[in-house]
Amino acid sequence: MIPEPATAYAALRRGEVDFLDGPTLDLLPTVADDPEIVIGEVWPIETYAVLRFNHLYPPFNNVKARQAVAHAVSQRDYMTASYGDPKYWRECYAFWICGSPNGTEVGSDDYRHPDLDRARALLRDSGYQGETVVLIAGSDIPAYRQMSLVTADLLKKIGMNVDLQMMDWGTVAARRAKKDPPSQGGWNLFHTSANGAQLASPLTSPSTITTCDGKNFVGWPCDQVEEDMRIKYIRESDPARQRALLEAMHARLWVSLPYVPLGQFKQPFVWRKNVTGVLKTNTLVYWNIEKT
């Protein structure tokens, strides 16, 4: 592990390491003109960035508070701050990944343009009383740090009292699994991203499972209507009816909002020219690779 991105890039340039797994994008220009280094794509499906809510506690146990945040979001602002050059990212309002067979954006029209006044009105309607909102952030992952700074500023603009807590990603990953109240070591919000391959279907995406048993992915969204539709989708064999169910589910997700999609980006990987055989796969694998 080389936590400092600049140190990792320097080691690659000097030949001390051969391959950088998921490197930060802002330093790519430092190796772009190096004839001994390859900037390549590995994942054929883009990566998805999100803002995940904790549905167990106020204010985000109220759907209007979640909708308030979603109406305030500008994907362009998040992607620009976190991933820089537009050639590496795009806006996307599909919970099951733009560019995938399930990449519908049905139901997202009201959320494509930020509306802070509407966000403030929804927040008032939710009954929010100025409670502290705990945003935990992985400061050692530059994109997560930047997204968290954007969110902290955005929440303040719509009238929320924000406690931004920066920590290493390992601590975030452990803390987000806790169901303790936010004031007792829990949390309200965090940012993450994931390889789009696992999120590209209602069958495989943990992010859109909304069972009400508290055993689903962290944040524990509960929407039995959505979950019943998902089970029906799983059991449907007719492609046309299955597609109709998919779109109905997607529209429902934009109502219940288990999380807020923030856009998609291409995750380049970087290796030295003497490394060959890197496979284009949904999960990075280290076989078939040779070094001369």
Protein backbone atom coordinates (compact mmCIF):
# COMPACT_ATOMS: atom_id res chain seq x y z
CA MET A 1 0.00 0.00 0.00
CA ILE A 2 1.23 3.47 -0.95
CA PRO A 3 -1.41 5.81 0.53
CA GLU A 4 0.04 9.03 -0.87
CA PRO A 5 -0.94 9.27 -4.59
CA ALA A 6 2.03 11.44 -5.59
CA THR A 7 4.42 8.92 -4.03
CA ALA A 8 2.74 6.06 -5.89
CA TYR A 9 2.97 7.86 -9.23
CA ALA A 10 6.64 8.72 -8.58
CA ALA A 11 7.37 5.07 -7.79
CA LEU A 12 5.74 4.03 -11.06
CA ARG A 13 7.80 6.52 -13.05
CA ARG A 14 11.01 5.27 -11.43
CA GLY A 15 10.13 1.64 -12.09
CA GLU A 16 9.88 0.77 -8.40
CA VAL A 17 6.33 -0.50 -8.99
CA ASP A 18 4.82 -1.86 -12.19
CA PHE A 19 1.09 -1.22 -11.86
CA LEU A 20 -1.24 1.23 -10.07
CA ASP A 21 -4.67 -0.15 -9.17
CA GLY A 22 -7.41 2.51 -9.39
CA PRO A 23 -5.08 5.53 -9.24
CA THR A 24 -6.37 9.03 -8.54
CA LEU A 25 -7.24 10.87 -11.75
CA ASP A 26 -5.82 14.29 -10.93
CA LEU A 27 -2.24 13.07 -11.30
CA LEU A 28 -2.71 11.32 -14.65
CA PRO A 29 -1.25 14.33 -16.54
CA THR A 30 2.06 13.73 -14.75
CA VAL A 31 2.52 10.43 -16.62
CA ALA A 32 0.49 11.08 -19.78
CA ASP A 33 3.55 11.91 -21.89
CA ASP A 34 5.85 9.26 -20.43
CA PRO A 35 6.62 6.73 -23.22
CA GLU A 36 7.29 4.04 -20.61
CA ILE A 37 3.82 4.24 -19.04
CA VAL A 38 0.43 3.05 -20.30
CA ILE A 39 -2.86 4.64 -19.23
CA GLY A 40 -5.40 1.92 -19.95
CA GLU A 41 -9.00 0.91 -19.34
CA VAL A 42 -9.75 -2.34 -17.55
CA TRP A 43 -13.40 -2.15 -16.46
CA PRO A 44 -15.76 -2.21 -19.48
CA ILE A 45 -18.61 -0.80 -17.36
CA GLU A 46 -18.16 2.61 -15.76
CA THR A 47 -17.86 3.29 -12.05
CA TYR A 48 -20.72 4.89 -10.13
CA ALA A 49 -20.44 7.54 -7.40
CA VAL A 50 -23.19 7.98 -4.80
CA LEU A 51 -24.31 9.77 -1.65
CA ARG A 52 -25.73 7.15 0.71
CA PHE A 53 -28.30 7.94 3.43
CA ASN A 54 -28.84 6.32 6.82
CA HIS A 55 -32.59 5.59 6.78
CA LEU A 56 -32.80 4.59 10.45
CA TYR A 57 -32.57 8.05 12.02
CA PRO A 58 -33.75 11.62 11.44
CA PRO A 59 -33.64 13.47 9.24
CA PHE A 60 -33.23 10.91 6.46
CA ASN A 61 -35.74 8.42 7.79
CA ASN A 62 -38.18 10.92 6.22
CA VAL A 63 -38.40 10.64 2.45
CA LYS A 64 -38.90 14.40 2.06
CA ALA A 65 -35.48 15.05 3.61
CA ARG A 66 -33.90 12.63 1.13
CA GLN A 67 -35.76 14.27 -1.72
CA ALA A 68 -34.59 17.67 -0.50
CA VAL A 69 -30.95 16.64 -0.84
CA ALA A 70 -31.56 15.07 -4.25
CA HIS A 71 -33.18 18.27 -5.55
CA ALA A 72 -30.12 20.26 -4.44
CA VAL A 73 -27.57 18.01 -6.15
CA SER A 74 -25.72 18.97 -9.32
CA GLN A 75 -23.96 15.93 -10.73
CA ARG A 76 -21.76 18.19 -12.81
CA ASP A 77 -20.47 19.93 -9.68
CA TYR A 78 -19.68 16.61 -7.98
CA MET A 79 -17.97 15.08 -11.00
CA THR A 80 -15.94 18.21 -11.77
CA ALA A 81 -14.74 18.51 -8.18
CA SER A 82 -13.89 14.83 -7.82
CA TYR A 83 -12.81 13.60 -11.24
CA GLY A 84 -11.78 16.73 -13.12
CA ASP A 85 -11.46 16.29 -16.87
CA PRO A 86 -14.92 15.68 -18.43
CA LYS A 87 -13.46 13.03 -20.71
CA TYR A 88 -13.42 10.72 -17.69
CA TRP A 89 -16.99 11.27 -16.46
CA ARG A 90 -20.61 11.87 -17.42
CA GLU A 91 -23.89 12.64 -15.76
CA CYS A 92 -26.10 9.60 -15.25
CA TYR A 93 -29.50 9.18 -13.60
CA ALA A 94 -29.75 5.41 -13.89
CA PHE A 95 -29.63 3.41 -10.66
CA TRP A 96 -28.58 0.39 -12.74
CA ILE A 97 -25.83 2.12 -14.71
CA CYS A 98 -25.97 4.12 -17.92
CA GLY A 99 -24.65 2.03 -20.78
CA SER A 100 -25.79 -1.26 -19.28
CA PRO A 101 -28.80 -3.25 -20.60
CA ASN A 102 -30.75 -1.98 -17.56
CA GLY A 103 -29.62 1.63 -17.82
CA THR A 104 -33.01 3.34 -17.84
CA GLU A 105 -33.32 6.86 -16.42
CA VAL A 106 -37.12 6.76 -16.08
CA GLY A 107 -38.42 8.88 -13.18
CA SER A 108 -35.38 11.15 -12.89
CA ASP A 109 -36.61 14.19 -14.83
CA ASP A 110 -37.39 16.31 -11.74
CA TYR A 111 -33.87 15.79 -10.39
CA ARG A 112 -31.76 16.74 -13.39
CA HIS A 113 -31.53 20.45 -12.55
CA PRO A 114 -30.72 21.66 -9.03
CA ASP A 115 -33.51 23.59 -7.32
CA LEU A 116 -32.39 24.90 -3.92
CA ASP A 117 -35.70 26.61 -3.18
CA ARG A 118 -37.57 23.36 -3.67
CA ALA A 119 -34.97 21.57 -1.58
CA ARG A 120 -35.45 24.04 1.29
CA ALA A 121 -39.24 23.69 1.09
CA LEU A 122 -39.06 19.89 1.20
CA LEU A 123 -36.67 20.04 4.13
CA ARG A 124 -39.14 22.23 6.05
CA ASP A 125 -41.97 19.83 5.17
CA SER A 126 -39.92 16.92 6.48
CA GLY A 127 -40.03 18.36 9.98
CA TYR A 128 -36.29 18.95 10.18
CA GLN A 129 -35.55 20.93 13.35
CA GLY A 130 -31.86 21.73 12.96
CA GLU A 131 -30.54 18.38 14.16
CA THR A 132 -26.85 17.78 13.55
CA VAL A 133 -26.26 15.75 10.40
CA VAL A 134 -23.12 13.61 10.62
CA LEU A 135 -21.30 13.23 7.30
CA ILE A 136 -18.43 10.73 7.52
CA ALA A 137 -15.79 11.06 4.81
CA GLY A 138 -12.83 9.01 3.59
CA SER A 139 -10.18 11.71 3.55
CA ASP A 140 -7.47 9.40 2.16
CA ILE A 141 -9.44 8.85 -1.07
CA PRO A 142 -9.24 12.19 -2.92
CA ALA A 143 -12.53 11.79 -4.81
CA TYR A 144 -14.45 10.95 -1.63
CA ARG A 145 -12.88 13.88 0.16
CA GLN A 146 -13.89 16.27 -2.61
CA MET A 147 -17.44 14.91 -2.84
CA SER A 148 -17.82 15.25 0.92
CA LEU A 149 -16.72 18.88 0.83
CA VAL A 150 -19.28 19.58 -1.90
CA THR A 151 -21.99 17.88 0.15
CA ALA A 152 -21.15 19.71 3.36
CA ASP A 153 -21.44 23.03 1.53
CA LEU A 154 -24.65 21.98 -0.21
CA LEU A 155 -26.38 20.83 2.98
CA LYS A 156 -25.54 24.12 4.67
CA LYS A 157 -27.07 26.01 1.74
CA ILE A 158 -30.41 24.26 2.17
CA GLY A 159 -30.42 24.82 5.93
CA MET A 160 -28.85 21.77 7.53
CA ASN A 161 -26.51 21.73 10.49
CA VAL A 162 -23.59 19.63 9.21
CA ASP A 163 -20.85 17.87 11.15
CA LEU A 164 -18.26 16.80 8.57
CA GLN A 165 -15.98 14.16 10.08
CA MET A 166 -12.88 13.30 8.03
CA MET A 167 -11.20 9.95 8.65
CA ASP A 168 -9.40 7.22 6.73
CA TRP A 169 -11.55 5.03 4.50
CA GLY A 170 -10.99 1.95 6.63
CA THR A 171 -12.57 3.75 9.57
CA VAL A 172 -15.50 4.91 7.41
CA ALA A 173 -16.06 1.35 6.19
CA ALA A 174 -16.20 0.07 9.77
CA ARG A 175 -18.30 2.91 11.11
CA ARG A 176 -20.89 2.83 8.33
CA ALA A 177 -21.85 -0.71 9.44
CA LYS A 178 -22.89 0.59 12.88
CA LYS A 179 -26.56 1.15 13.60
CA ASP A 180 -25.86 3.39 16.58
CA PRO A 181 -27.52 6.84 16.60
CA PRO A 182 -25.40 9.48 14.81
CA SER A 183 -24.80 11.26 18.13
CA GLN A 184 -23.41 8.04 19.60
CA GLY A 185 -20.85 7.04 17.00
CA GLY A 186 -23.19 6.38 14.10
CA TRP A 187 -23.68 8.45 10.96
CA ASN A 188 -26.20 10.09 8.61
CA LEU A 189 -24.40 10.24 5.26
CA PHE A 190 -21.31 9.01 3.44
CA HIS A 191 -19.92 8.91 -0.08
CA THR A 192 -18.75 5.87 -1.94
CA SER A 193 -18.33 4.50 -5.45
CA ALA A 194 -18.34 1.05 -6.99
CA ASN A 195 -17.49 -0.86 -10.12
CA GLY A 196 -20.63 -0.57 -12.23
CA ALA A 197 -20.69 -4.27 -13.09
CA GLN A 198 -22.12 -5.28 -9.71
CA LEU A 199 -24.69 -2.46 -9.80
CA ALA A 200 -25.96 -3.01 -13.34
CA SER A 201 -28.96 -5.21 -12.48
CA PRO A 202 -31.70 -5.41 -9.83
CA LEU A 203 -30.56 -9.03 -9.43
CA THR A 204 -27.04 -8.17 -8.32
CA SER A 205 -26.99 -4.60 -7.01
CA PRO A 206 -26.90 -4.51 -3.20
CA SER A 207 -27.51 -0.77 -3.36
CA THR A 208 -31.11 -1.02 -4.55
CA ILE A 209 -32.30 -3.84 -2.27
CA THR A 210 -34.88 -2.23 0.01
CA THR A 211 -35.92 -5.08 2.29
CA CYS A 212 -37.27 -3.96 5.64
CA ASP A 213 -35.45 -6.55 7.72
CA GLY A 214 -32.37 -4.43 8.37
CA LYS A 215 -30.13 -6.98 6.64
CA ASN A 216 -29.63 -5.09 3.39
CA PHE A 217 -26.70 -2.83 2.48
CA VAL A 218 -25.63 -0.14 4.93
CA GLY A 219 -28.10 2.69 5.14
CA TRP A 220 -30.82 0.05 5.47
CA PRO A 221 -33.48 1.58 3.20
CA CYS A 222 -36.94 0.13 3.74
CA ASP A 223 -39.43 0.21 0.87
CA GLN A 224 -41.55 -2.92 0.67
CA VAL A 225 -43.31 -1.64 -2.46
CA GLU A 226 -39.98 -1.56 -4.29
CA GLU A 227 -38.91 -4.91 -2.88
CA ASP A 228 -42.16 -6.59 -3.92
CA MET A 229 -41.64 -5.26 -7.45
CA ARG A 230 -38.09 -6.58 -7.45
CA ILE A 231 -39.23 -10.08 -6.44
CA LYS A 232 -41.87 -9.98 -9.16
CA TYR A 233 -39.19 -8.89 -11.65
CA ILE A 234 -36.97 -11.80 -10.61
CA ARG A 235 -39.78 -14.30 -11.19
CA GLU A 236 -41.02 -12.79 -14.48
CA SER A 237 -39.95 -14.73 -17.58
CA ASP A 238 -41.52 -12.59 -20.30
CA PRO A 239 -38.92 -10.01 -21.50
CA ALA A 240 -41.49 -7.31 -22.30
CA ARG A 241 -43.21 -7.56 -18.91
CA GLN A 242 -39.84 -7.74 -17.19
CA ARG A 243 -38.76 -4.51 -18.90
CA ALA A 244 -41.96 -2.79 -17.83
CA LEU A 245 -41.33 -3.90 -14.25
CA LEU A 246 -37.74 -2.65 -14.45
CA GLU A 247 -38.88 0.82 -15.48
CA ALA A 248 -41.61 0.89 -12.84
CA MET A 249 -39.05 -0.08 -10.19
CA HIS A 250 -36.70 2.60 -11.40
CA ALA A 251 -39.36 5.29 -11.19
CA ARG A 252 -40.12 4.10 -7.66
CA LEU A 253 -36.45 4.40 -6.66
CA TRP A 254 -36.52 8.07 -7.67
CA VAL A 255 -39.40 8.49 -5.22
CA SER A 256 -38.00 6.53 -2.25
CA LEU A 257 -34.32 7.43 -2.88
CA PRO A 258 -32.19 4.83 -1.09
CA TYR A 259 -29.27 7.02 -2.20
CA VAL A 260 -28.51 9.85 -4.62
CA PRO A 261 -26.66 8.97 -7.85
CA LEU A 262 -23.87 11.48 -8.53
CA GLY A 263 -22.66 10.40 -11.98
CA GLN A 264 -20.39 7.87 -13.63
CA PHE A 265 -16.69 7.91 -14.38
CA LYS A 266 -14.11 5.84 -16.19
CA GLN A 267 -11.47 4.50 -13.84
CA PRO A 268 -8.15 4.34 -15.69
CA PHE A 269 -5.45 1.96 -14.55
CA VAL A 270 -1.76 2.74 -15.03
CA TRP A 271 1.13 0.40 -15.70
CA ARG A 272 4.61 0.37 -17.14
CA LYS A 273 5.03 -0.40 -20.83
CA ASN A 274 6.95 -3.63 -20.12
CA VAL A 275 3.80 -5.09 -18.51
CA THR A 276 1.54 -6.86 -21.03
CA GLY A 277 -1.58 -9.01 -21.04
CA VAL A 278 -3.77 -6.87 -18.77
CA LEU A 279 -7.31 -8.18 -19.32
CA LYS A 280 -10.40 -6.02 -19.77
CA THR A 281 -12.69 -7.53 -17.15
CA ASN A 282 -15.41 -6.41 -14.74
CA THR A 283 -13.08 -7.22 -11.85
CA LEU A 284 -9.35 -6.54 -12.08
CA VAL A 285 -7.47 -9.83 -12.29
CA TYR A 286 -3.74 -10.46 -12.17
CA TRP A 287 -3.47 -13.48 -14.40
CA ASN A 288 -2.43 -13.46 -18.08
CA ILE A 289 0.04 -10.70 -17.21
CA GLU A 290 3.70 -10.82 -18.24
CA LYS A 291 6.63 -8.53 -17.58
CA THR A 292 9.61 -8.19 -19.89
